Amino acid sequence: MTVYILQRVMRMIPLLFLLSLIAFLIIQLPPGDYLTEHINALRASGRDVDEAEVERLMKQYALDRPMHIQYLTWIQNILLKGSFGQSFQWGRPVNEVIGDKMALTFLLAIFTTVFVWAVSVPIGIYVSVRQYTFTDYLFTMIGFVGLAVPGFLLAMVVMYFSFAWFGLKVGGLFSPAYELEPWSIGKFQNMLTRIWVPVLILGIGGTAHIIRVMRATMLDELRKQYVTVARSKGLSEFAVLMNYPVRIAINPLISSLGFLLPWIISGGTVVEIVLNLPTAAVVLYRSLLSQDMFLAGSFILLVGTLALVGSLLADIALAAVDPRIRFGSVEEF
């Protein structure tokens, strides 16, 4: 097990280097840069542009140097100083901008994960043992609808009916009174009263997907001989399900956990924009539009790193849960 973990960690090092290179190239592909866009906006508004100031900013942000020098400077500052650079749009260090938004993103991811698993796993188990019943057909239909309806459309529908029927504005994670306030118990409680809307909307698609996966995997396991042998030993149906097929059927779900946070940052962007959530996805979207290269590149690098770390943690969890993976790794190494 230890050898398996060490080898997985060693494999991540070249992947992280390649990821950083791809992230930097992606933000360099569009023509122009933030400074050029800013200068064009000033000229379009009729304001004079100080060429000496432009040259100073070019040197300050290293925009006058070759691309590979910019990349080496950027990655060197990350590795040696822990600095991701300066955000042009926000006028603050990237570390501060990311830190402010990632805390809320992590909270949203945790709540969404708990909601998805608490709802989908029991339903998936139940419909698998009640195959072809009315309940099975009902949740199958709900699952297909949940997968088919776009999250941003569901968000707009919820916002409309909440305001039209109840006079409630469900956008944002905080009430206006707490929007700019520092963290406190009151602000956290206020967030808890409003976070259920984005959790519900972001979790609908994942819940529908996991129900389908859990049902299909459980049906495959329930037909196997070891389940029949366990029942013949006089075990209760609950003990048979929990001790045998569920332990195997849950493996695909554990492997998907590693990609939940990257999905919330990237895949839920439109939903979070519609709901006006102060999370990382919205900042990433705006940084790409404004060509804020250091902020956008840092977010892309961070999302990719989270995917790699999540994949590592999922593999470790699978090895801990499933002896076949653990023993297989021992035999391999």
C-alpha atoms as a PDB file:
ATOM      1  CA  MET A   1       0.000   0.000   0.000  1.00  0.00           C
ATOM      2  CA  THR A   2       2.814   2.427   0.901  1.00  0.00           C
ATOM      3  CA  VAL A   3       4.681   1.650  -2.316  1.00  0.00           C
ATOM      4  CA  TYR A   4       1.479   2.160  -4.282  1.00  0.00           C
ATOM      5  CA  ILE A   5       0.912   5.605  -2.722  1.00  0.00           C
ATOM      6  CA  LEU A   6       4.522   6.678  -3.270  1.00  0.00           C
ATOM      7  CA  GLN A   7       4.437   5.669  -6.908  1.00  0.00           C
ATOM      8  CA  ARG A   8       1.166   7.523  -7.448  1.00  0.00           C
ATOM      9  CA  VAL A   9       2.684  10.642  -5.873  1.00  0.00           C
ATOM     10  CA  MET A  10       5.805  10.366  -8.047  1.00  0.00           C
ATOM     11  CA  ARG A  11       3.640  10.129 -11.158  1.00  0.00           C
ATOM     12  CA  MET A  12       1.971  13.407 -10.232  1.00  0.00           C
ATOM     13  CA  ILE A  13       5.192  15.455 -10.406  1.00  0.00           C
ATOM     14  CA  PRO A  14       5.675  15.417 -14.214  1.00  0.00           C
ATOM     15  CA  LEU A  15       1.915  15.777 -14.645  1.00  0.00           C
ATOM     16  CA  LEU A  16       1.934  18.941 -12.518  1.00  0.00           C
ATOM     17  CA  PHE A  17       4.767  20.374 -14.610  1.00  0.00           C
ATOM     18  CA  LEU A  18       2.907  19.581 -17.835  1.00  0.00           C
ATOM     19  CA  LEU A  19      -0.280  21.021 -16.337  1.00  0.00           C
ATOM     20  CA  SER A  20       1.430  24.308 -15.448  1.00  0.00           C
ATOM     21  CA  LEU A  21       2.818  24.565 -18.974  1.00  0.00           C
ATOM     22  CA  ILE A  22      -0.588  23.934 -20.556  1.00  0.00           C
ATOM     23  CA  ALA A  23      -2.274  26.408 -18.193  1.00  0.00           C
ATOM     24  CA  PHE A  24       0.209  29.144 -19.134  1.00  0.00           C
ATOM     25  CA  LEU A  25      -0.107  28.408 -22.856  1.00  0.00           C
ATOM     26  CA  ILE A  26      -3.914  28.522 -22.685  1.00  0.00           C
ATOM     27  CA  ILE A  27      -3.954  32.026 -21.243  1.00  0.00           C
ATOM     28  CA  GLN A  28      -1.365  33.157 -23.809  1.00  0.00           C
ATOM     29  CA  LEU A  29      -3.297  31.889 -26.843  1.00  0.00           C
ATOM     30  CA  PRO A  30      -5.805  34.769 -27.221  1.00  0.00           C
ATOM     31  CA  PRO A  31      -4.282  37.790 -29.006  1.00  0.00           C
ATOM     32  CA  GLY A  32      -3.380  40.744 -26.810  1.00  0.00           C
ATOM     33  CA  ASP A  33      -3.246  40.953 -23.056  1.00  0.00           C
ATOM     34  CA  TYR A  34      -4.858  42.793 -20.158  1.00  0.00           C
ATOM     35  CA  LEU A  35      -2.644  45.857 -20.533  1.00  0.00           C
ATOM     36  CA  THR A  36      -3.401  46.152 -24.259  1.00  0.00           C
ATOM     37  CA  GLU A  37      -7.137  45.888 -23.599  1.00  0.00           C
ATOM     38  CA  HIS A  38      -6.853  48.495 -20.851  1.00  0.00           C
ATOM     39  CA  ILE A  39      -4.978  50.916 -23.101  1.00  0.00           C
ATOM     40  CA  ASN A  40      -7.515  50.425 -25.911  1.00  0.00           C
ATOM     41  CA  ALA A  41     -10.342  51.120 -23.484  1.00  0.00           C
ATOM     42  CA  LEU A  42      -8.649  54.350 -22.358  1.00  0.00           C
ATOM     43  CA  ARG A  43      -8.166  55.496 -25.940  1.00  0.00           C
ATOM     44  CA  ALA A  44     -11.744  54.606 -26.842  1.00  0.00           C
ATOM     45  CA  SER A  45     -12.969  56.795 -24.003  1.00  0.00           C
ATOM     46  CA  GLY A  46     -10.903  59.717 -25.323  1.00  0.00           C
ATOM     47  CA  ARG A  47      -8.399  59.769 -22.475  1.00  0.00           C
ATOM     48  CA  ASP A  48      -4.690  60.375 -23.098  1.00  0.00           C
ATOM     49  CA  VAL A  49      -2.299  57.455 -22.651  1.00  0.00           C
ATOM     50  CA  ASP A  50       1.111  58.110 -21.152  1.00  0.00           C
ATOM     51  CA  GLU A  51       3.567  56.045 -23.187  1.00  0.00           C
ATOM     52  CA  ALA A  52       6.119  56.130 -20.366  1.00  0.00           C
ATOM     53  CA  GLU A  53       3.484  54.684 -18.027  1.00  0.00           C
ATOM     54  CA  VAL A  54       2.682  51.996 -20.571  1.00  0.00           C
ATOM     55  CA  GLU A  55       6.336  51.014 -20.813  1.00  0.00           C
ATOM     56  CA  ARG A  56       6.616  50.930 -17.018  1.00  0.00           C
ATOM     57  CA  LEU A  57       3.609  48.613 -16.761  1.00  0.00           C
ATOM     58  CA  MET A  58       4.995  46.389 -19.521  1.00  0.00           C
ATOM     59  CA  LYS A  59       8.191  45.906 -17.533  1.00  0.00           C
ATOM     60  CA  GLN A  60       6.328  45.517 -14.250  1.00  0.00           C
ATOM     61  CA  TYR A  61       4.213  42.659 -15.605  1.00  0.00           C
ATOM     62  CA  ALA A  62       7.044  41.243 -17.785  1.00  0.00           C
ATOM     63  CA  LEU A  63       4.895  41.588 -20.886  1.00  0.00           C
ATOM     64  CA  ASP A  64       7.889  42.819 -22.872  1.00  0.00           C
ATOM     65  CA  ARG A  65       9.782  39.580 -22.364  1.00  0.00           C
ATOM     66  CA  PRO A  66       9.526  36.309 -24.370  1.00  0.00           C
ATOM     67  CA  MET A  67       6.812  33.841 -23.434  1.00  0.00           C
ATOM     68  CA  HIS A  68       9.165  31.210 -22.046  1.00  0.00           C
ATOM     69  CA  ILE A  69      10.816  33.810 -19.782  1.00  0.00           C
ATOM     70  CA  GLN A  70       7.378  34.845 -18.506  1.00  0.00           C
ATOM     71  CA  TYR A  71       6.550  31.206 -17.794  1.00  0.00           C
ATOM     72  CA  LEU A  72       9.825  30.525 -15.996  1.00  0.00           C
ATOM     73  CA  THR A  73       9.404  33.659 -13.875  1.00  0.00           C
ATOM     74  CA  TRP A  74       5.815  32.714 -13.028  1.00  0.00           C
ATOM     75  CA  ILE A  75       6.547  29.099 -12.078  1.00  0.00           C
ATOM     76  CA  GLN A  76       9.684  30.095 -10.175  1.00  0.00           C
ATOM     77  CA  ASN A  77       7.718  32.541  -8.032  1.00  0.00           C
ATOM     78  CA  ILE A  78       5.125  29.833  -7.337  1.00  0.00           C
ATOM     79  CA  LEU A  79       7.666  27.206  -6.300  1.00  0.00           C
ATOM     80  CA  LEU A  80      10.094  29.390  -4.365  1.00  0.00           C
ATOM     81  CA  LYS A  81       7.922  32.182  -2.997  1.00  0.00           C
ATOM     82  CA  GLY A  82       4.437  30.712  -3.085  1.00  0.00           C
ATOM     83  CA  SER A  83       3.349  33.761  -5.089  1.00  0.00           C
ATOM     84  CA  PHE A  84       1.020  33.404  -8.089  1.00  0.00           C
ATOM     85  CA  GLY A  85       1.600  36.973  -9.255  1.00  0.00           C
ATOM     86  CA  GLN A  86      -0.524  40.102  -9.326  1.00  0.00           C
ATOM     87  CA  SER A  87      -4.106  40.234 -10.559  1.00  0.00           C
ATOM     88  CA  PHE A  88      -4.479  43.082 -13.058  1.00  0.00           C
ATOM     89  CA  GLN A  89      -8.253  43.250 -12.761  1.00  0.00           C
ATOM     90  CA  TRP A  90      -8.470  43.174  -8.968  1.00  0.00           C
ATOM     91  CA  GLY A  91      -5.274  45.079  -8.260  1.00  0.00           C
ATOM     92  CA  ARG A  92      -4.372  42.557  -5.552  1.00  0.00           C
ATOM     93  CA  PRO A  93      -2.075  39.527  -5.265  1.00  0.00           C
ATOM     94  CA  VAL A  94      -3.588  36.431  -6.847  1.00  0.00           C
ATOM     95  CA  ASN A  95      -3.128  34.538  -3.574  1.00  0.00           C
ATOM     96  CA  GLU A  96      -5.544  36.905  -1.818  1.00  0.00           C
ATOM     97  CA  VAL A  97      -8.153  36.733  -4.571  1.00  0.00           C
ATOM     98  CA  ILE A  98      -8.009  32.934  -4.689  1.00  0.00           C
ATOM     99  CA  GLY A  99      -8.048  32.610  -0.901  1.00  0.00           C
ATOM    100  CA  ASP A 100     -11.187  34.719  -0.563  1.00  0.00           C
ATOM    101  CA  LYS A 101     -13.120  32.665  -3.108  1.00  0.00           C
ATOM    102  CA  MET A 102     -11.803  29.142  -2.531  1.00  0.00           C
ATOM    103  CA  ALA A 103     -13.060  28.987   1.070  1.00  0.00           C
ATOM    104  CA  LEU A 104     -16.656  29.478  -0.086  1.00  0.00           C
ATOM    105  CA  THR A 105     -16.090  27.078  -2.983  1.00  0.00           C
ATOM    106  CA  PHE A 106     -14.857  24.359  -0.605  1.00  0.00           C
ATOM    107  CA  LEU A 107     -17.882  24.872   1.662  1.00  0.00           C
ATOM    108  CA  LEU A 108     -20.215  24.650  -1.324  1.00  0.00           C
ATOM    109  CA  ALA A 109     -18.457  21.489  -2.543  1.00  0.00           C
ATOM    110  CA  ILE A 110     -18.698  19.821   0.888  1.00  0.00           C
ATOM    111  CA  PHE A 111     -22.400  20.592   1.276  1.00  0.00           C
ATOM    112  CA  THR A 112     -23.105  19.459  -2.295  1.00  0.00           C
ATOM    113  CA  THR A 113     -21.218  16.194  -1.776  1.00  0.00           C
ATOM    114  CA  VAL A 114     -23.092  15.414   1.427  1.00  0.00           C
ATOM    115  CA  PHE A 115     -26.416  16.186  -0.240  1.00  0.00           C
ATOM    116  CA  VAL A 116     -25.677  14.102  -3.349  1.00  0.00           C
ATOM    117  CA  TRP A 117     -24.498  11.043  -1.428  1.00  0.00           C
ATOM    118  CA  ALA A 118     -27.156  11.228   1.300  1.00  0.00           C
ATOM    119  CA  VAL A 119     -29.913  11.272  -1.311  1.00  0.00           C
ATOM    120  CA  SER A 120     -28.614   9.200  -4.211  1.00  0.00           C
ATOM    121  CA  VAL A 121     -26.953   6.210  -2.499  1.00  0.00           C
ATOM    122  CA  PRO A 122     -30.005   5.098  -0.439  1.00  0.00           C
ATOM    123  CA  ILE A 123     -32.311   5.642  -3.430  1.00  0.00           C
ATOM    124  CA  GLY A 124     -29.956   3.712  -5.725  1.00  0.00           C
ATOM    125  CA  ILE A 125     -29.878   0.783  -3.301  1.00  0.00           C
ATOM    126  CA  TYR A 126     -33.642   0.834  -2.804  1.00  0.00           C
ATOM    127  CA  VAL A 127     -34.621   0.881  -6.486  1.00  0.00           C
ATOM    128  CA  SER A 128     -32.106  -1.886  -7.257  1.00  0.00           C
ATOM    129  CA  VAL A 129     -33.893  -4.291  -4.902  1.00  0.00           C
ATOM    130  CA  ARG A 130     -37.302  -3.072  -6.160  1.00  0.00           C
ATOM    131  CA  GLN A 131     -36.570  -3.461  -9.853  1.00  0.00           C
ATOM    132  CA  TYR A 132     -39.466  -2.804 -12.269  1.00  0.00           C
ATOM    133  CA  THR A 133     -41.764  -1.518  -9.529  1.00  0.00           C
ATOM    134  CA  PHE A 134     -43.560   1.828  -9.588  1.00  0.00           C
ATOM    135  CA  THR A 135     -40.837   3.333  -7.363  1.00  0.00           C
ATOM    136  CA  ASP A 136     -38.135   2.176  -9.750  1.00  0.00           C
ATOM    137  CA  TYR A 137     -39.919   3.721 -12.743  1.00  0.00           C
ATOM    138  CA  LEU A 138     -40.587   6.936 -10.797  1.00  0.00           C
ATOM    139  CA  PHE A 139     -36.967   7.504  -9.785  1.00  0.00           C
ATOM    140  CA  THR A 140     -35.777   6.468 -13.256  1.00  0.00           C
ATOM    141  CA  MET A 141     -37.961   9.192 -14.762  1.00  0.00           C
ATOM    142  CA  ILE A 142     -36.766  11.735 -12.166  1.00  0.00           C
ATOM    143  CA  GLY A 143     -33.177  10.716 -12.892  1.00  0.00           C
ATOM    144  CA  PHE A 144     -33.546  11.272 -16.627  1.00  0.00           C
ATOM    145  CA  VAL A 145     -35.173  14.664 -16.043  1.00  0.00           C
ATOM    146  CA  GLY A 146     -32.399  15.618 -13.621  1.00  0.00           C
ATOM    147  CA  LEU A 147     -29.740  14.720 -16.168  1.00  0.00           C
ATOM    148  CA  ALA A 148     -31.526  16.441 -19.047  1.00  0.00           C
ATOM    149  CA  VAL A 149     -32.394  19.807 -17.459  1.00  0.00           C
ATOM    150  CA  PRO A 150     -29.454  22.255 -17.563  1.00  0.00           C
ATOM    151  CA  GLY A 151     -28.447  23.571 -14.162  1.00  0.00           C
ATOM    152  CA  PHE A 152     -28.596  27.230 -15.198  1.00  0.00           C
ATOM    153  CA  LEU A 153     -32.183  26.772 -16.463  1.00  0.00           C
ATOM    154  CA  LEU A 154     -33.194  25.154 -13.192  1.00  0.00           C
ATOM    155  CA  ALA A 155     -31.524  28.035 -11.329  1.00  0.00           C
ATOM    156  CA  MET A 156     -33.530  30.632 -13.261  1.00  0.00           C
ATOM    157  CA  VAL A 157     -36.769  28.713 -12.695  1.00  0.00           C
ATOM    158  CA  VAL A 158     -36.127  28.472  -8.940  1.00  0.00           C
ATOM    159  CA  MET A 159     -35.235  32.168  -8.736  1.00  0.00           C
ATOM    160  CA  TYR A 160     -38.364  33.178 -10.667  1.00  0.00           C
ATOM    161  CA  PHE A 161     -40.858  31.119  -8.684  1.00  0.00           C
ATOM    162  CA  SER A 162     -39.210  31.968  -5.358  1.00  0.00           C
ATOM    163  CA  PHE A 163     -39.666  35.662  -6.059  1.00  0.00           C
ATOM    164  CA  ALA A 164     -43.050  35.396  -7.817  1.00  0.00           C
ATOM    165  CA  TRP A 165     -44.720  33.155  -5.220  1.00  0.00           C
ATOM    166  CA  PHE A 166     -42.926  33.947  -1.982  1.00  0.00           C
ATOM    167  CA  GLY A 167     -41.230  37.279  -2.634  1.00  0.00           C
ATOM    168  CA  LEU A 168     -37.814  35.786  -1.832  1.00  0.00           C
ATOM    169  CA  LYS A 169     -34.561  36.615  -3.615  1.00  0.00           C
ATOM    170  CA  VAL A 170     -32.523  33.405  -3.505  1.00  0.00           C
ATOM    171  CA  GLY A 171     -29.440  34.639  -5.376  1.00  0.00           C
ATOM    172  CA  GLY A 172     -26.125  34.986  -3.566  1.00  0.00           C
ATOM    173  CA  LEU A 173     -24.812  33.271  -0.457  1.00  0.00           C
ATOM    174  CA  PHE A 174     -25.355  36.201   1.916  1.00  0.00           C
ATOM    175  CA  SER A 175     -28.027  38.757   2.679  1.00  0.00           C
ATOM    176  CA  PRO A 176     -27.136  42.365   1.770  1.00  0.00           C
ATOM    177  CA  ALA A 177     -26.492  43.129   5.454  1.00  0.00           C
ATOM    178  CA  TYR A 178     -23.743  40.491   5.612  1.00  0.00           C
ATOM    179  CA  GLU A 179     -22.338  40.820   2.076  1.00  0.00           C
ATOM    180  CA  LEU A 180     -19.322  42.962   2.982  1.00  0.00           C
ATOM    181  CA  GLU A 181     -19.078  42.089   6.668  1.00  0.00           C
ATOM    182  CA  PRO A 182     -16.138  40.067   8.061  1.00  0.00           C
ATOM    183  CA  TRP A 183     -16.728  36.449   9.018  1.00  0.00           C
ATOM    184  CA  SER A 184     -18.711  35.929  12.208  1.00  0.00           C
ATOM    185  CA  ILE A 185     -21.183  33.450  13.677  1.00  0.00           C
ATOM    186  CA  GLY A 186     -24.050  35.567  12.375  1.00  0.00           C
ATOM    187  CA  LYS A 187     -22.623  35.642   8.849  1.00  0.00           C
ATOM    188  CA  PHE A 188     -22.074  31.871   8.882  1.00  0.00           C
ATOM    189  CA  GLN A 189     -25.651  31.281  10.053  1.00  0.00           C
ATOM    190  CA  ASN A 190     -26.905  33.620   7.351  1.00  0.00           C
ATOM    191  CA  MET A 191     -24.975  31.609   4.760  1.00  0.00           C
ATOM    192  CA  LEU A 192     -26.525  28.365   6.018  1.00  0.00           C
ATOM    193  CA  THR A 193     -30.020  29.775   5.435  1.00  0.00           C
ATOM    194  CA  ARG A 194     -29.205  30.526   1.779  1.00  0.00           C
ATOM    195  CA  ILE A 195     -26.708  27.875   0.694  1.00  0.00           C
ATOM    196  CA  TRP A 196     -29.385  25.191   0.258  1.00  0.00           C
ATOM    197  CA  VAL A 197     -30.516  26.705  -3.072  1.00  0.00           C
ATOM    198  CA  PRO A 198     -27.152  26.375  -4.907  1.00  0.00           C
ATOM    199  CA  VAL A 199     -26.533  23.018  -3.202  1.00  0.00           C
ATOM    200  CA  LEU A 200     -29.871  21.727  -4.475  1.00  0.00           C
ATOM    201  CA  ILE A 201     -29.364  23.034  -8.013  1.00  0.00           C
ATOM    202  CA  LEU A 202     -25.728  21.922  -8.330  1.00  0.00           C
ATOM    203  CA  GLY A 203     -26.532  18.546  -6.771  1.00  0.00           C
ATOM    204  CA  ILE A 204     -29.526  17.625  -8.944  1.00  0.00           C
ATOM    205  CA  GLY A 205     -27.465  16.417 -11.896  1.00  0.00           C
ATOM    206  CA  GLY A 206     -24.966  14.541  -9.721  1.00  0.00           C
ATOM    207  CA  THR A 207     -27.756  12.930  -7.716  1.00  0.00           C
ATOM    208  CA  ALA A 208     -29.526  11.690 -10.829  1.00  0.00           C
ATOM    209  CA  HIS A 209     -26.266  10.329 -12.247  1.00  0.00           C
ATOM    210  CA  ILE A 210     -25.238   8.495  -9.060  1.00  0.00           C
ATOM    211  CA  ILE A 211     -28.702   6.957  -8.672  1.00  0.00           C
ATOM    212  CA  ARG A 212     -28.384   5.459 -12.149  1.00  0.00           C
ATOM    213  CA  VAL A 213     -24.816   4.240 -11.542  1.00  0.00           C
ATOM    214  CA  MET A 214     -25.671   2.782  -8.125  1.00  0.00           C
ATOM    215  CA  ARG A 215     -28.750   1.018  -9.453  1.00  0.00           C
ATOM    216  CA  ALA A 216     -26.924  -0.510 -12.437  1.00  0.00           C
ATOM    217  CA  THR A 217     -23.950  -1.678 -10.376  1.00  0.00           C
ATOM    218  CA  MET A 218     -26.144  -3.087  -7.615  1.00  0.00           C
ATOM    219  CA  LEU A 219     -28.256  -5.032 -10.118  1.00  0.00           C
ATOM    220  CA  ASP A 220     -25.100  -6.544 -11.550  1.00  0.00           C
ATOM    221  CA  GLU A 221     -23.819  -7.560  -8.091  1.00  0.00           C
ATOM    222  CA  LEU A 222     -27.164  -8.894  -6.812  1.00  0.00           C
ATOM    223  CA  ARG A 223     -27.184 -11.539  -9.541  1.00  0.00           C
ATOM    224  CA  LYS A 224     -23.830 -12.977  -8.531  1.00  0.00           C
ATOM    225  CA  GLN A 225     -23.408 -16.257  -6.703  1.00  0.00           C
ATOM    226  CA  TYR A 226     -21.791 -14.893  -3.524  1.00  0.00           C
ATOM    227  CA  VAL A 227     -25.010 -13.001  -2.734  1.00  0.00           C
ATOM    228  CA  THR A 228     -27.016 -16.208  -3.007  1.00  0.00           C
ATOM    229  CA  VAL A 229     -24.526 -17.984  -0.742  1.00  0.00           C
ATOM    230  CA  ALA A 230     -24.764 -15.175   1.841  1.00  0.00           C
ATOM    231  CA  ARG A 231     -28.567 -15.444   1.868  1.00  0.00           C
ATOM    232  CA  SER A 232     -28.388 -19.220   2.238  1.00  0.00           C
ATOM    233  CA  LYS A 233     -26.393 -18.740   5.448  1.00  0.00           C
ATOM    234  CA  GLY A 234     -29.406 -17.118   7.065  1.00  0.00           C
ATOM    235  CA  LEU A 235     -28.205 -13.501   7.011  1.00  0.00           C
ATOM    236  CA  SER A 236     -30.849 -10.807   6.960  1.00  0.00           C
ATOM    237  CA  GLU A 237     -31.473  -9.005   3.699  1.00  0.00           C
ATOM    238  CA  PHE A 238     -30.047  -5.778   5.139  1.00  0.00           C
ATOM    239  CA  ALA A 239     -26.845  -7.520   6.264  1.00  0.00           C
ATOM    240  CA  VAL A 240     -26.470  -9.214   2.875  1.00  0.00           C
ATOM    241  CA  LEU A 241     -26.830  -5.910   1.032  1.00  0.00           C
ATOM    242  CA  MET A 242     -24.552  -3.842   3.260  1.00  0.00           C
ATOM    243  CA  ASN A 243     -21.777  -6.406   3.700  1.00  0.00           C
ATOM    244  CA  TYR A 244     -21.470  -7.602   0.123  1.00  0.00           C
ATOM    245  CA  PRO A 245     -22.995  -5.938  -2.996  1.00  0.00           C
ATOM    246  CA  VAL A 246     -23.035  -2.379  -1.605  1.00  0.00           C
ATOM    247  CA  ARG A 247     -19.323  -2.532  -0.752  1.00  0.00           C
ATOM    248  CA  ILE A 248     -18.563  -3.421  -4.376  1.00  0.00           C
ATOM    249  CA  ALA A 249     -21.149  -1.160  -6.012  1.00  0.00           C
ATOM    250  CA  ILE A 250     -19.912   1.918  -4.186  1.00  0.00           C
ATOM    251  CA  ASN A 251     -16.444   1.732  -5.773  1.00  0.00           C
ATOM    252  CA  PRO A 252     -17.364   3.736  -8.915  1.00  0.00           C
ATOM    253  CA  LEU A 253     -18.827   6.445  -6.697  1.00  0.00           C
ATOM    254  CA  ILE A 254     -15.658   6.719  -4.616  1.00  0.00           C
ATOM    255  CA  SER A 255     -13.595   7.083  -7.780  1.00  0.00           C
ATOM    256  CA  SER A 256     -15.799  10.010  -8.877  1.00  0.00           C
ATOM    257  CA  LEU A 257     -15.286  11.934  -5.632  1.00  0.00           C
ATOM    258  CA  GLY A 258     -11.903  13.212  -6.763  1.00  0.00           C
ATOM    259  CA  PHE A 259     -13.440  15.201  -9.590  1.00  0.00           C
ATOM    260  CA  LEU A 260     -16.238  16.839  -7.620  1.00  0.00           C
ATOM    261  CA  LEU A 261     -14.393  19.997  -6.580  1.00  0.00           C
ATOM    262  CA  PRO A 262     -12.883  20.658 -10.053  1.00  0.00           C
ATOM    263  CA  TRP A 263     -16.375  20.209 -11.492  1.00  0.00           C
ATOM    264  CA  ILE A 264     -17.886  22.710  -9.046  1.00  0.00           C
ATOM    265  CA  ILE A 265     -15.234  25.267  -9.998  1.00  0.00           C
ATOM    266  CA  SER A 266     -15.460  24.737 -13.770  1.00  0.00           C
ATOM    267  CA  GLY A 267     -18.636  22.804 -14.596  1.00  0.00           C
ATOM    268  CA  GLY A 268     -20.968  24.857 -12.384  1.00  0.00           C
ATOM    269  CA  THR A 269     -19.766  28.237 -13.666  1.00  0.00           C
ATOM    270  CA  VAL A 270     -22.965  29.230 -15.480  1.00  0.00           C
ATOM    271  CA  VAL A 271     -25.125  28.201 -12.505  1.00  0.00           C
ATOM    272  CA  GLU A 272     -22.974  30.218 -10.126  1.00  0.00           C
ATOM    273  CA  ILE A 273     -23.112  33.252 -12.414  1.00  0.00           C
ATOM    274  CA  VAL A 274     -26.909  33.019 -12.596  1.00  0.00           C
ATOM    275  CA  LEU A 275     -27.162  32.690  -8.815  1.00  0.00           C
ATOM    276  CA  ASN A 276     -24.592  35.467  -8.266  1.00  0.00           C
ATOM    277  CA  LEU A 277     -22.400  33.323  -6.029  1.00  0.00           C
ATOM    278  CA  PRO A 278     -19.061  34.762  -4.823  1.00  0.00           C
ATOM    279  CA  THR A 279     -17.163  31.587  -5.683  1.00  0.00           C
ATOM    280  CA  ALA A 280     -14.043  30.696  -7.661  1.00  0.00           C
ATOM    281  CA  ALA A 281     -15.902  29.773 -10.856  1.00  0.00           C
ATOM    282  CA  VAL A 282     -17.238  33.302 -11.337  1.00  0.00           C
ATOM    283  CA  VAL A 283     -13.794  34.847 -10.762  1.00  0.00           C
ATOM    284  CA  LEU A 284     -12.231  32.391 -13.219  1.00  0.00           C
ATOM    285  CA  TYR A 285     -14.815  33.296 -15.866  1.00  0.00           C
ATOM    286  CA  ARG A 286     -14.242  37.038 -15.430  1.00  0.00           C
ATOM    287  CA  SER A 287     -10.471  36.640 -15.443  1.00  0.00           C
ATOM    288  CA  LEU A 288     -10.654  34.787 -18.777  1.00  0.00           C
ATOM    289  CA  LEU A 289     -12.831  37.507 -20.285  1.00  0.00           C
ATOM    290  CA  SER A 290     -10.500  40.278 -19.135  1.00  0.00           C
ATOM    291  CA  GLN A 291      -7.343  38.288 -20.010  1.00  0.00           C
ATOM    292  CA  ASP A 292      -6.086  38.612 -16.451  1.00  0.00           C
ATOM    293  CA  MET A 293      -3.297  36.179 -17.232  1.00  0.00           C
ATOM    294  CA  PHE A 294      -1.847  35.489 -13.794  1.00  0.00           C
ATOM    295  CA  LEU A 295      -5.259  35.055 -12.149  1.00  0.00           C
ATOM    296  CA  ALA A 296      -6.673  32.890 -14.958  1.00  0.00           C
ATOM    297  CA  GLY A 297      -3.529  30.775 -15.213  1.00  0.00           C
ATOM    298  CA  SER A 298      -3.405  30.259 -11.453  1.00  0.00           C
ATOM    299  CA  PHE A 299      -7.024  29.148 -11.368  1.00  0.00           C
ATOM    300  CA  ILE A 300      -6.526  26.717 -14.265  1.00  0.00           C
ATOM    301  CA  LEU A 301      -3.428  25.338 -12.558  1.00  0.00           C
ATOM    302  CA  LEU A 302      -5.295  25.070  -9.262  1.00  0.00           C
ATOM    303  CA  VAL A 303      -8.266  23.255 -10.807  1.00  0.00           C
ATOM    304  CA  GLY A 304      -5.970  20.785 -12.550  1.00  0.00           C
ATOM    305  CA  THR A 305      -3.997  20.227  -9.345  1.00  0.00           C
ATOM    306  CA  LEU A 306      -7.218  19.585  -7.435  1.00  0.00           C
ATOM    307  CA  ALA A 307      -8.198  17.018 -10.070  1.00  0.00           C
ATOM    308  CA  LEU A 308      -4.854  15.223  -9.689  1.00  0.00           C
ATOM    309  CA  VAL A 309      -4.957  15.317  -5.881  1.00  0.00           C
ATOM    310  CA  GLY A 310      -8.588  14.217  -5.892  1.00  0.00           C
ATOM    311  CA  SER A 311      -7.748  11.315  -8.174  1.00  0.00           C
ATOM    312  CA  LEU A 312      -4.925  10.307  -5.803  1.00  0.00           C
ATOM    313  CA  LEU A 313      -7.206  10.451  -2.752  1.00  0.00           C
ATOM    314  CA  ALA A 314      -9.892   8.492  -4.585  1.00  0.00           C
ATOM    315  CA  ASP A 315      -7.383   5.776  -5.514  1.00  0.00           C
ATOM    316  CA  ILE A 316      -6.190   5.573  -1.905  1.00  0.00           C
ATOM    317  CA  ALA A 317      -9.783   5.352  -0.673  1.00  0.00           C
ATOM    318  CA  LEU A 318     -10.540   2.603  -3.190  1.00  0.00           C
ATOM    319  CA  ALA A 319      -7.477   0.660  -2.105  1.00  0.00           C
ATOM    320  CA  ALA A 320      -8.578   0.990   1.531  1.00  0.00           C
ATOM    321  CA  VAL A 321     -12.170  -0.069   0.830  1.00  0.00           C
ATOM    322  CA  ASP A 322     -11.617  -2.820  -1.741  1.00  0.00           C
ATOM    323  CA  PRO A 323      -9.064  -5.517  -0.779  1.00  0.00           C
ATOM    324  CA  ARG A 324      -8.795  -6.602  -4.421  1.00  0.00           C
ATOM    325  CA  ILE A 325      -7.184  -3.276  -5.341  1.00  0.00           C
ATOM    326  CA  ARG A 326      -4.928  -3.336  -2.281  1.00  0.00           C
ATOM    327  CA  PHE A 327      -3.736  -6.905  -2.883  1.00  0.00           C
ATOM    328  CA  GLY A 328      -3.370  -6.221  -6.587  1.00  0.00           C
ATOM    329  CA  SER A 329      -1.069  -3.276  -5.852  1.00  0.00           C
ATOM    330  CA  VAL A 330       1.083  -5.442  -3.539  1.00  0.00           C
ATOM    331  CA  GLU A 331       1.435  -8.124  -6.190  1.00  0.00           C
ATOM    332  CA  GLU A 332       2.250  -5.546  -8.862  1.00  0.00           C
ATOM    333  CA  PHE A 333       4.956  -3.789  -6.914  1.00  0.00           C
END
